[in-house]
């Protein structure tokens, strides 16, 4: 599966439900068994198969989201600074980024699904996610 931006993210941006410059975001790791649905998954409660393992806490960890506007090419690039989990023993296929509201998973707004292309593992070591390309929203 390829990486994707959930459709609900665009709706949430337009309605002011998600403000990348000031909201808190988290990245949670999921197993290959999770199949994201770009059109219907909107909340963290829609995400299944979150991984478990040593050094990983449910819900993931904070990530930094920054938006830069490119008026020459008429686009906005959303850059995500990838998180890490120290001294972890885990296996994951992808990371789901969401706006964390600090409560129920049914309130957390989904942003994107970043596919690693294959399972990635760590054994008693740091599991680092590096996001190499920004999410691009183009007019």
Protein backbone atom coordinates (compact mmCIF):
# COMPACT_ATOMS: atom_id res chain seq x y z
CA UNK A 1 0.00 0.00 0.00
CA UNK A 2 1.24 3.49 -0.75
CA UNK A 3 1.36 6.37 1.69
CA UNK A 4 -1.72 8.58 1.68
CA UNK A 5 -3.44 11.63 3.14
CA UNK A 6 -6.84 10.80 4.62
CA UNK A 7 -9.70 12.67 2.88
CA UNK A 8 -10.99 13.77 6.28
CA UNK A 9 -7.79 15.80 6.78
CA UNK A 10 -8.81 18.20 3.98
CA UNK A 11 -12.28 18.57 5.48
CA UNK A 12 -10.80 19.12 8.94
CA UNK A 13 -8.44 21.80 7.57
CA UNK A 14 -11.28 23.64 5.84
CA UNK A 15 -13.47 23.56 8.95
CA UNK A 16 -10.64 24.64 11.28
CA UNK A 17 -10.72 21.33 13.16
CA UNK A 18 -7.00 20.85 12.49
CA UNK A 19 -4.50 23.71 12.62
CA UNK A 20 -1.02 22.38 11.74
CA UNK A 21 0.78 25.47 13.07
CA UNK A 22 -0.56 25.10 16.61
CA UNK A 23 -2.11 21.67 17.23
CA UNK A 24 -0.43 18.65 18.85
CA UNK A 25 0.19 15.62 16.65
CA UNK A 26 1.28 12.07 17.31
CA UNK A 27 2.60 9.20 15.23
CA UNK A 28 1.44 5.69 16.03
CA UNK A 29 2.84 2.52 14.51
CA UNK A 30 0.65 -0.09 12.85
CA UNK A 31 1.16 -3.62 11.58
CA UNK A 32 0.72 -4.79 8.00
CA UNK A 33 -2.74 -6.09 8.92
CA UNK A 34 -4.10 -2.51 9.04
CA UNK A 35 -5.58 -1.46 5.70
CA UNK A 36 -6.14 2.29 5.65
CA UNK A 37 -9.25 3.59 3.94
CA UNK A 38 -8.51 7.03 2.57
CA UNK A 39 -12.19 7.86 2.10
CA UNK A 40 -13.81 6.53 5.26
CA UNK A 41 -11.19 6.53 8.04
CA UNK A 42 -11.35 9.87 9.83
CA UNK A 43 -10.59 9.25 13.52
CA UNK A 44 -7.89 7.32 15.39
CA UNK A 45 -10.62 4.90 16.50
CA UNK A 46 -10.87 3.80 12.82
CA UNK A 47 -7.27 2.56 12.91
CA UNK A 48 -6.77 -1.11 13.76
CA UNK A 49 -3.73 -3.27 14.38
CA UNK A 50 -1.60 -0.81 16.34
CA UNK A 51 1.63 -2.59 17.21
CA UNK A 52 2.70 -3.64 20.69
CA UNK A 53 6.17 -4.31 22.03
CA UNK A 54 8.89 -3.32 24.44
CA UNK A 55 9.53 0.42 24.40
CA UNK A 56 6.29 1.29 22.59
CA UNK A 57 3.27 2.86 24.33
CA UNK A 58 -0.20 2.73 22.79
CA UNK A 59 -1.09 5.89 20.90
CA UNK A 60 2.47 6.58 19.81
CA UNK A 61 4.56 9.67 20.48
CA UNK A 62 4.59 13.35 19.55
CA UNK A 63 5.63 14.40 16.06
CA UNK A 64 6.24 17.88 14.71
CA UNK A 65 4.12 19.04 11.78
CA UNK A 66 5.12 22.15 9.83
CA UNK A 67 3.52 23.70 6.75
CA UNK A 68 5.31 25.83 4.18
CA UNK A 69 3.52 27.67 1.39
CA UNK A 70 5.06 27.75 -2.09
CA UNK A 71 3.27 30.49 -4.05
CA UNK A 72 5.45 29.93 -7.13
CA UNK A 73 4.31 26.32 -7.57
CA UNK A 74 0.91 26.87 -5.90
CA UNK A 75 1.23 24.24 -3.21
CA UNK A 76 1.65 23.66 0.47
CA UNK A 77 4.17 21.16 1.79
CA UNK A 78 3.42 19.50 5.12
CA UNK A 79 6.65 18.28 6.71
CA UNK A 80 6.54 15.70 9.49
CA UNK A 81 9.49 15.18 11.78
CA UNK A 82 9.65 11.48 12.44
CA UNK A 83 9.67 10.11 15.97
CA UNK A 84 11.80 7.41 17.56
CA UNK A 85 11.37 4.76 20.22
CA UNK A 86 14.54 4.04 22.23
CA UNK A 87 15.48 0.56 23.43
CA UNK A 88 12.49 -0.94 21.65
CA UNK A 89 11.69 -4.40 20.37
CA UNK A 90 8.93 -3.83 17.83
CA UNK A 91 7.90 -4.50 14.22
CA UNK A 92 5.79 -2.07 12.21
CA UNK A 93 4.68 -1.60 8.60
CA UNK A 94 3.57 2.03 8.74
CA UNK A 95 2.99 5.13 10.84
CA UNK A 96 -0.35 6.91 11.19
CA UNK A 97 -0.17 10.62 12.03
CA UNK A 98 -3.11 12.19 13.84
CA UNK A 99 -4.12 15.30 15.76
CA UNK A 100 -4.02 14.34 19.41
CA UNK A 101 -6.78 15.83 21.51
CA UNK A 102 -5.60 14.03 24.66
CA UNK A 103 -8.72 11.97 25.23
CA UNK A 104 -10.81 9.40 23.41
CA UNK A 105 -9.44 7.95 20.17
CA UNK A 106 -12.81 8.77 18.58
CA UNK A 107 -11.95 12.49 18.91
CA UNK A 108 -8.46 12.36 17.34
CA UNK A 109 -8.38 13.53 13.69
CA UNK A 110 -6.38 11.46 11.19
CA UNK A 111 -3.83 13.19 8.96
CA UNK A 112 -1.87 10.59 6.98
CA UNK A 113 -0.63 7.04 6.64
CA UNK A 114 3.10 6.67 5.93
CA UNK A 115 3.91 3.25 4.47
CA UNK A 116 7.41 1.87 5.13
CA UNK A 117 7.11 -0.49 2.13
CA UNK A 118 7.84 -3.55 4.24
CA UNK A 119 7.96 -4.51 7.90
CA UNK A 120 10.66 -2.71 9.87
CA UNK A 121 11.92 -4.08 13.18
CA UNK A 122 14.11 -3.16 16.11
CA UNK A 123 15.44 -5.52 18.77
CA UNK A 124 16.53 -3.70 21.91
CA UNK A 125 17.49 -0.71 19.78
CA UNK A 126 16.11 2.63 18.62
CA UNK A 127 13.26 2.42 16.11
CA UNK A 128 13.51 5.63 14.07
CA UNK A 129 10.96 6.87 11.53
CA UNK A 130 12.38 9.19 8.88
CA UNK A 131 9.84 10.90 6.65
CA UNK A 132 11.77 11.74 3.47
CA UNK A 133 9.11 13.59 1.48
CA UNK A 134 6.56 16.19 2.57
CA UNK A 135 2.85 15.70 2.11
CA UNK A 136 2.06 17.89 -0.88
CA UNK A 137 -1.22 19.71 -1.26
CA UNK A 138 -1.29 21.29 -4.69
CA UNK A 139 -3.74 23.55 -6.49
